[in-house]
C-alpha atoms as a PDB file:
ATOM      1  CA  MET A   1     -35.259  26.256  40.808  1.00  0.00           C
ATOM      2  CA  SER A   2     -38.242  23.966  40.596  1.00  0.00           C
ATOM      3  CA  SER A   3     -40.716  24.865  43.300  1.00  0.00           C
ATOM      4  CA  VAL A   4     -44.303  25.532  44.178  1.00  0.00           C
ATOM      5  CA  THR A   5     -45.780  29.013  44.100  1.00  0.00           C
ATOM      6  CA  LEU A   6     -45.447  31.099  47.246  1.00  0.00           C
ATOM      7  CA  PHE A   7     -47.781  33.853  48.378  1.00  0.00           C
ATOM      8  CA  SER A   8     -46.793  36.291  51.105  1.00  0.00           C
ATOM      9  CA  CYS A   9     -49.137  39.217  50.532  1.00  0.00           C
ATOM     10  CA  THR A  10     -52.169  39.759  52.724  1.00  0.00           C
ATOM     11  CA  LYS A  11     -54.224  41.747  50.204  1.00  0.00           C
ATOM     12  CA  THR A  12     -54.619  41.482  46.436  1.00  0.00           C
ATOM     13  CA  SER A  13     -55.308  44.361  44.067  1.00  0.00           C
ATOM     14  CA  ASN A  14     -59.060  43.781  44.432  1.00  0.00           C
ATOM     15  CA  ASN A  15     -58.729  43.752  48.240  1.00  0.00           C
ATOM     16  CA  GLN A  16     -59.138  40.005  48.652  1.00  0.00           C
ATOM     17  CA  THR A  17     -57.207  38.433  51.517  1.00  0.00           C
ATOM     18  CA  VAL A  18     -54.465  35.954  50.577  1.00  0.00           C
ATOM     19  CA  THR A  19     -53.278  33.709  53.406  1.00  0.00           C
ATOM     20  CA  PRO A  20     -49.477  33.582  53.746  1.00  0.00           C
ATOM     21  CA  VAL A  21     -48.111  30.075  53.228  1.00  0.00           C
ATOM     22  CA  SER A  22     -45.023  28.034  53.888  1.00  0.00           C
ATOM     23  CA  ILE A  23     -44.034  24.888  51.966  1.00  0.00           C
ATOM     24  CA  LEU A  24     -43.929  21.521  53.731  1.00  0.00           C
ATOM     25  CA  SER A  25     -43.121  17.919  52.886  1.00  0.00           C
ATOM     26  CA  VAL A  26     -43.845  14.967  55.204  1.00  0.00           C
ATOM     27  CA  ILE A  27     -42.010  11.641  55.628  1.00  0.00           C
ATOM     28  CA  ASP A  28     -43.288   8.666  57.665  1.00  0.00           C
ATOM     29  CA  VAL A  29     -40.543   6.420  59.026  1.00  0.00           C
ATOM     30  CA  SER A  30     -42.301   5.202  62.175  1.00  0.00           C
ATOM     31  CA  PRO A  31     -41.724   1.438  61.850  1.00  0.00           C
ATOM     32  CA  ASP A  32     -44.856   0.260  63.668  1.00  0.00           C
ATOM     33  CA  ALA A  33     -47.286   2.935  62.484  1.00  0.00           C
ATOM     34  CA  PRO A  34     -50.388   1.854  60.563  1.00  0.00           C
ATOM     35  CA  ALA A  35     -51.505   3.629  57.398  1.00  0.00           C
ATOM     36  CA  LEU A  36     -51.899   7.304  58.289  1.00  0.00           C
ATOM     37  CA  ASP A  37     -53.641  10.557  57.474  1.00  0.00           C
ATOM     38  CA  PHE A  38     -51.866  13.882  58.014  1.00  0.00           C
ATOM     39  CA  TYR A  39     -53.821  16.832  59.377  1.00  0.00           C
ATOM     40  CA  GLU A  40     -52.944  20.513  59.632  1.00  0.00           C
ATOM     41  CA  ASN A  41     -55.220  22.702  61.752  1.00  0.00           C
ATOM     42  CA  SER A  42     -57.910  19.993  61.508  1.00  0.00           C
ATOM     43  CA  THR A  43     -57.686  19.787  57.689  1.00  0.00           C
ATOM     44  CA  VAL A  44     -56.647  16.479  56.164  1.00  0.00           C
ATOM     45  CA  ILE A  45     -53.861  17.004  53.621  1.00  0.00           C
ATOM     46  CA  ASN A  46     -53.325  13.625  51.957  1.00  0.00           C
ATOM     47  CA  THR A  47     -55.575  12.009  49.376  1.00  0.00           C
ATOM     48  CA  ASN A  48     -54.117   8.514  49.684  1.00  0.00           C
ATOM     49  CA  ALA A  49     -53.013   6.789  52.881  1.00  0.00           C
ATOM     50  CA  ILE A  50     -49.461   7.545  54.042  1.00  0.00           C
ATOM     51  CA  ASN A  51     -47.619   4.273  54.544  1.00  0.00           C
ATOM     52  CA  TYR A  52     -44.316   3.500  56.232  1.00  0.00           C
ATOM     53  CA  GLY A  53     -41.398   4.737  54.157  1.00  0.00           C
ATOM     54  CA  SER A  54     -43.512   7.155  52.133  1.00  0.00           C
ATOM     55  CA  GLY A  55     -44.932  10.623  52.650  1.00  0.00           C
ATOM     56  CA  LEU A  56     -46.091  13.816  50.981  1.00  0.00           C
ATOM     57  CA  ALA A  57     -44.170  15.877  48.443  1.00  0.00           C
ATOM     58  CA  TYR A  58     -43.968  19.644  48.966  1.00  0.00           C
ATOM     59  CA  PHE A  59     -47.387  21.271  49.373  1.00  0.00           C
ATOM     60  CA  ASN A  60     -48.666  24.703  50.368  1.00  0.00           C
ATOM     61  CA  SER A  61     -48.917  24.729  54.157  1.00  0.00           C
ATOM     62  CA  TYR A  62     -50.148  27.229  56.697  1.00  0.00           C
ATOM     63  CA  ALA A  63     -47.663  29.731  58.108  1.00  0.00           C
ATOM     64  CA  GLY A  64     -47.349  30.701  61.751  1.00  0.00           C
ATOM     65  CA  ASN A  65     -48.312  28.370  64.568  1.00  0.00           C
ATOM     66  CA  VAL A  66     -49.540  25.158  62.961  1.00  0.00           C
ATOM     67  CA  ALA A  67     -51.183  22.276  64.808  1.00  0.00           C
ATOM     68  CA  PHE A  68     -50.607  18.944  63.071  1.00  0.00           C
ATOM     69  CA  SER A  69     -51.487  15.336  63.719  1.00  0.00           C
ATOM     70  CA  PHE A  70     -50.969  11.876  62.304  1.00  0.00           C
ATOM     71  CA  ASP A  71     -54.251   9.949  62.517  1.00  0.00           C
ATOM     72  CA  GLY A  72     -55.070   6.383  61.632  1.00  0.00           C
ATOM     73  CA  ASN A  73     -56.111   6.369  57.979  1.00  0.00           C
ATOM     74  CA  GLY A  74     -59.846   6.896  57.667  1.00  0.00           C
ATOM     75  CA  THR A  75     -60.301   7.258  61.426  1.00  0.00           C
ATOM     76  CA  SER A  76     -60.440  10.037  64.005  1.00  0.00           C
ATOM     77  CA  THR A  77     -57.771   8.362  66.173  1.00  0.00           C
ATOM     78  CA  LYS A  78     -54.844  10.702  66.749  1.00  0.00           C
ATOM     79  CA  LEU A  79     -51.625   8.689  66.994  1.00  0.00           C
ATOM     80  CA  GLY A  80     -49.252  11.627  67.230  1.00  0.00           C
ATOM     81  CA  ALA A  81     -49.737  15.387  67.390  1.00  0.00           C
ATOM     82  CA  ASP A  82     -47.781  18.564  68.052  1.00  0.00           C
ATOM     83  CA  ASN A  83     -47.455  22.230  67.088  1.00  0.00           C
ATOM     84  CA  VAL A  84     -44.757  23.840  64.955  1.00  0.00           C
ATOM     85  CA  THR A  85     -43.990  27.390  63.877  1.00  0.00           C
ATOM     86  CA  LEU A  86     -43.536  27.787  60.133  1.00  0.00           C
ATOM     87  CA  THR A  87     -42.332  30.992  58.493  1.00  0.00           C
ATOM     88  CA  ALA A  88     -44.122  32.225  55.365  1.00  0.00           C
ATOM     89  CA  ASN A  89     -42.257  31.586  52.095  1.00  0.00           C
ATOM     90  CA  HIS A  90     -39.904  29.037  53.687  1.00  0.00           C
ATOM     91  CA  TYR A  91     -39.503  25.323  52.920  1.00  0.00           C
ATOM     92  CA  TYR A  92     -39.656  22.590  55.571  1.00  0.00           C
ATOM     93  CA  THR A  93     -39.632  18.806  55.903  1.00  0.00           C
ATOM     94  CA  LEU A  94     -41.407  17.050  58.795  1.00  0.00           C
ATOM     95  CA  ILE A  95     -40.336  13.497  59.677  1.00  0.00           C
ATOM     96  CA  LEU A  96     -42.363  11.120  61.844  1.00  0.00           C
ATOM     97  CA  ALA A  97     -39.834   8.812  63.522  1.00  0.00           C
ATOM     98  CA  ASN A  98     -39.530   6.269  66.341  1.00  0.00           C
ATOM     99  CA  SER A  99     -42.333   3.963  67.491  1.00  0.00           C
ATOM    100  CA  ILE A 100     -45.821   5.379  66.967  1.00  0.00           C
ATOM    101  CA  LYS A 101     -46.338   4.742  70.707  1.00  0.00           C
ATOM    102  CA  THR A 102     -43.611   7.295  71.509  1.00  0.00           C
ATOM    103  CA  PRO A 103     -43.312   9.298  68.288  1.00  0.00           C
ATOM    104  CA  ASP A 104     -40.604  11.822  67.534  1.00  0.00           C
ATOM    105  CA  PHE A 105     -41.220  14.723  65.168  1.00  0.00           C
ATOM    106  CA  ILE A 106     -38.144  16.019  63.371  1.00  0.00           C
ATOM    107  CA  LEU A 107     -38.740  19.374  61.672  1.00  0.00           C
ATOM    108  CA  LEU A 108     -36.117  20.439  59.143  1.00  0.00           C
ATOM    109  CA  ALA A 109     -35.715  23.903  57.661  1.00  0.00           C
ATOM    110  CA  ASP A 110     -34.930  23.309  53.984  1.00  0.00           C
ATOM    111  CA  THR A 111     -32.349  25.952  53.093  1.00  0.00           C
ATOM    112  CA  LEU A 112     -32.111  25.458  49.349  1.00  0.00           C
ATOM    113  CA  VAL A 113     -29.062  27.013  47.694  1.00  0.00           C
ATOM    114  CA  SER A 114     -27.654  26.053  44.311  1.00  0.00           C
ATOM    115  CA  PRO A 115     -24.517  23.888  44.590  1.00  0.00           C
ATOM    116  CA  GLY A 116     -23.367  25.125  41.191  1.00  0.00           C
ATOM    117  CA  GLN A 117     -23.505  23.410  37.830  1.00  0.00           C
ATOM    118  CA  THR A 118     -20.704  20.894  38.471  1.00  0.00           C
ATOM    119  CA  ASN A 119     -21.885  19.469  41.802  1.00  0.00           C
ATOM    120  CA  SER A 120     -24.986  18.300  43.616  1.00  0.00           C
ATOM    121  CA  SER A 121     -25.737  18.816  47.304  1.00  0.00           C
ATOM    122  CA  ILE A 122     -27.060  16.385  49.890  1.00  0.00           C
ATOM    123  CA  ARG A 123     -28.372  16.546  53.425  1.00  0.00           C
ATOM    124  CA  PHE A 124     -28.573  13.539  55.747  1.00  0.00           C
ATOM    125  CA  ILE A 125     -30.829  12.657  58.688  1.00  0.00           C
ATOM    126  CA  ASN A 126     -30.403   9.651  60.952  1.00  0.00           C
ATOM    127  CA  ALA A 127     -34.092   8.846  61.537  1.00  0.00           C
ATOM    128  CA  SER A 128     -33.598   5.366  63.008  1.00  0.00           C
ATOM    129  CA  ALA A 129     -34.145   5.519  66.772  1.00  0.00           C
ATOM    130  CA  ASN A 130     -32.251   2.270  67.406  1.00  0.00           C
ATOM    131  CA  ALA A 131     -29.334   2.748  65.043  1.00  0.00           C
ATOM    132  CA  PRO A 132     -25.857   3.808  66.183  1.00  0.00           C
ATOM    133  CA  ALA A 133     -24.081   6.892  64.911  1.00  0.00           C
ATOM    134  CA  VAL A 134     -23.374   6.466  61.201  1.00  0.00           C
ATOM    135  CA  ASP A 135     -21.266   7.586  58.253  1.00  0.00           C
ATOM    136  CA  VAL A 136     -22.528   8.023  54.671  1.00  0.00           C
ATOM    137  CA  VAL A 137     -20.220   6.934  51.854  1.00  0.00           C
ATOM    138  CA  VAL A 138     -20.192   6.333  48.138  1.00  0.00           C
ATOM    139  CA  LYS A 139     -19.549   2.608  47.730  1.00  0.00           C
ATOM    140  CA  LYS A 140     -15.801   2.076  47.353  1.00  0.00           C
ATOM    141  CA  GLY A 141     -15.436   5.842  47.511  1.00  0.00           C
ATOM    142  CA  SER A 142     -15.078   8.757  49.869  1.00  0.00           C
ATOM    143  CA  VAL A 143     -16.959   9.526  53.075  1.00  0.00           C
ATOM    144  CA  LEU A 144     -19.553  12.217  52.385  1.00  0.00           C
ATOM    145  CA  ILE A 145     -20.952  12.613  55.919  1.00  0.00           C
ATOM    146  CA  ASN A 146     -19.677  11.224  59.209  1.00  0.00           C
ATOM    147  CA  ASN A 147     -20.751  10.414  62.764  1.00  0.00           C
ATOM    148  CA  ILE A 148     -24.455  11.294  62.721  1.00  0.00           C
ATOM    149  CA  ALA A 149     -26.460  10.005  65.700  1.00  0.00           C
ATOM    150  CA  TYR A 150     -30.243   9.539  65.904  1.00  0.00           C
ATOM    151  CA  LYS A 151     -32.097  12.775  65.022  1.00  0.00           C
ATOM    152  CA  GLY A 152     -28.826  14.236  63.813  1.00  0.00           C
ATOM    153  CA  VAL A 153     -29.243  16.428  60.726  1.00  0.00           C
ATOM    154  CA  THR A 154     -26.550  17.864  58.484  1.00  0.00           C
ATOM    155  CA  LYS A 155     -26.655  20.994  56.397  1.00  0.00           C
ATOM    156  CA  PHE A 156     -26.721  20.545  52.641  1.00  0.00           C
ATOM    157  CA  VAL A 157     -23.147  19.686  51.684  1.00  0.00           C
ATOM    158  CA  SER A 158     -21.455  19.420  48.325  1.00  0.00           C
ATOM    159  CA  ALA A 159     -21.542  15.970  46.722  1.00  0.00           C
ATOM    160  CA  PRO A 160     -20.303  14.593  43.407  1.00  0.00           C
ATOM    161  CA  VAL A 161     -22.657  14.183  40.497  1.00  0.00           C
ATOM    162  CA  MET A 162     -23.575  10.473  40.390  1.00  0.00           C
ATOM    163  CA  THR A 163     -25.391   8.243  37.903  1.00  0.00           C
ATOM    164  CA  ASN A 164     -26.652   4.792  38.966  1.00  0.00           C
ATOM    165  CA  ASP A 165     -24.138   4.712  41.799  1.00  0.00           C
ATOM    166  CA  THR A 166     -24.465   3.175  45.281  1.00  0.00           C
ATOM    167  CA  LEU A 167     -24.701   4.908  48.653  1.00  0.00           C
ATOM    168  CA  GLN A 168     -23.933   3.075  51.856  1.00  0.00           C
ATOM    169  CA  VAL A 169     -24.557   3.916  55.503  1.00  0.00           C
ATOM    170  CA  LEU A 170     -21.831   2.519  57.759  1.00  0.00           C
ATOM    171  CA  GLN A 171     -21.578   2.269  61.500  1.00  0.00           C
ATOM    172  CA  ALA A 172     -19.547   5.373  62.327  1.00  0.00           C
ATOM    173  CA  GLY A 173     -15.801   4.880  62.145  1.00  0.00           C
ATOM    174  CA  THR A 174     -16.051   1.322  60.819  1.00  0.00           C
ATOM    175  CA  SER A 175     -16.530  -0.547  57.543  1.00  0.00           C
ATOM    176  CA  THR A 176     -19.727  -2.245  58.816  1.00  0.00           C
ATOM    177  CA  VAL A 177     -22.492  -1.663  56.262  1.00  0.00           C
ATOM    178  CA  LEU A 178     -25.880  -0.988  57.865  1.00  0.00           C
ATOM    179  CA  ALA A 179     -27.878  -0.092  54.742  1.00  0.00           C
ATOM    180  CA  THR A 180     -27.358   0.297  50.999  1.00  0.00           C
ATOM    181  CA  LEU A 181     -29.130   2.389  48.363  1.00  0.00           C
ATOM    182  CA  PRO A 182     -28.244   1.205  44.839  1.00  0.00           C
ATOM    183  CA  ASN A 183     -28.850   2.932  41.515  1.00  0.00           C
ATOM    184  CA  ILE A 184     -28.906   6.434  42.998  1.00  0.00           C
ATOM    185  CA  THR A 185     -28.492   9.451  40.731  1.00  0.00           C
ATOM    186  CA  PHE A 186     -27.469  12.923  41.915  1.00  0.00           C
ATOM    187  CA  GLU A 187     -27.845  15.375  39.048  1.00  0.00           C
ATOM    188  CA  SER A 188     -25.760  18.500  38.632  1.00  0.00           C
ATOM    189  CA  ALA A 189     -27.261  21.515  40.426  1.00  0.00           C
ATOM    190  CA  GLY A 190     -29.671  19.245  42.319  1.00  0.00           C
ATOM    191  CA  ALA A 191     -30.345  19.254  46.079  1.00  0.00           C
ATOM    192  CA  TYR A 192     -31.270  15.995  47.809  1.00  0.00           C
ATOM    193  CA  THR A 193     -32.244  14.757  51.261  1.00  0.00           C
ATOM    194  CA  ILE A 194     -31.089  11.288  52.345  1.00  0.00           C
ATOM    195  CA  TRP A 195     -32.259   9.539  55.502  1.00  0.00           C
ATOM    196  CA  LEU A 196     -31.636   6.318  57.394  1.00  0.00           C
ATOM    197  CA  TYR A 197     -34.723   4.601  58.779  1.00  0.00           C
ATOM    198  CA  GLY A 198     -35.876   1.215  60.053  1.00  0.00           C
ATOM    199  CA  VAL A 199     -34.885  -1.051  62.931  1.00  0.00           C
ATOM    200  CA  PRO A 200     -31.479  -2.767  63.168  1.00  0.00           C
ATOM    201  CA  GLY A 201     -31.873  -6.548  62.955  1.00  0.00           C
ATOM    202  CA  SER A 202     -35.562  -6.414  62.006  1.00  0.00           C
ATOM    203  CA  THR A 203     -36.810  -8.718  59.251  1.00  0.00           C
ATOM    204  CA  THR A 204     -39.985  -6.678  58.653  1.00  0.00           C
ATOM    205  CA  THR A 205     -38.649  -3.109  58.873  1.00  0.00           C
ATOM    206  CA  PRO A 206     -34.872  -3.474  58.370  1.00  0.00           C
ATOM    207  CA  LEU A 207     -32.543  -0.519  58.108  1.00  0.00           C
ATOM    208  CA  ALA A 208     -32.920   1.233  54.759  1.00  0.00           C
ATOM    209  CA  ILE A 209     -32.013   4.492  53.047  1.00  0.00           C
ATOM    210  CA  GLY A 210     -34.621   6.892  51.717  1.00  0.00           C
ATOM    211  CA  ALA A 211     -34.022   9.754  49.286  1.00  0.00           C
ATOM    212  CA  MET A 212     -35.898  12.722  47.840  1.00  0.00           C
ATOM    213  CA  GLN A 213     -34.967  15.562  45.522  1.00  0.00           C
ATOM    214  CA  ASN A 214     -35.633  18.911  47.150  1.00  0.00           C
ATOM    215  CA  ALA A 215     -34.763  21.141  44.227  1.00  0.00           C
ATOM    216  CA  ALA A 216     -33.277  21.343  40.753  1.00  0.00           C
ATOM    217  CA  PHE A 217     -31.565  24.654  40.017  1.00  0.00           C
END
């Protein structure tokens, strides 16, 4: 599996202390947030500003009780902050959702298990505070995930291998298309996270589908 290096020891052979770490990724889907910086225990993590719809790929994070904040880029203004408990040698994804005035923090434990060599696996999060419950389908194909309300998160589930195919998010139980992600590829033995974000009916931050690859086994 592709991953970053994990350290869980507290002492090395020459008696130097090694801080246990977890692995974290960050996604910003707060539709009215400005460009952001992400802090852990008062340490800024990003090099470039985090903009709406983007984030940080997996990085070595602290383990244990971690204080984090989203600050205005280049400022000391905290726009959202909280504490989470992260276990050493585990993977997580943190999503900033809802309006930045009333932010929601969705912490996901990334349980990464190989789906086998003939399938991929996907996990879905409804991260749009104003969207209804939704289904996820392959265009003109089968329903992969159904009836997920805001902040609802699925486990990683088996999905077909796909090349330049199209995913759609539908209003649950209907054929009403809320968002479309074209040209998506799910490789064999890959694990992916898919999320719905944006504001229904908005012309500036419309509903959209985001995707990231968590692992390749």
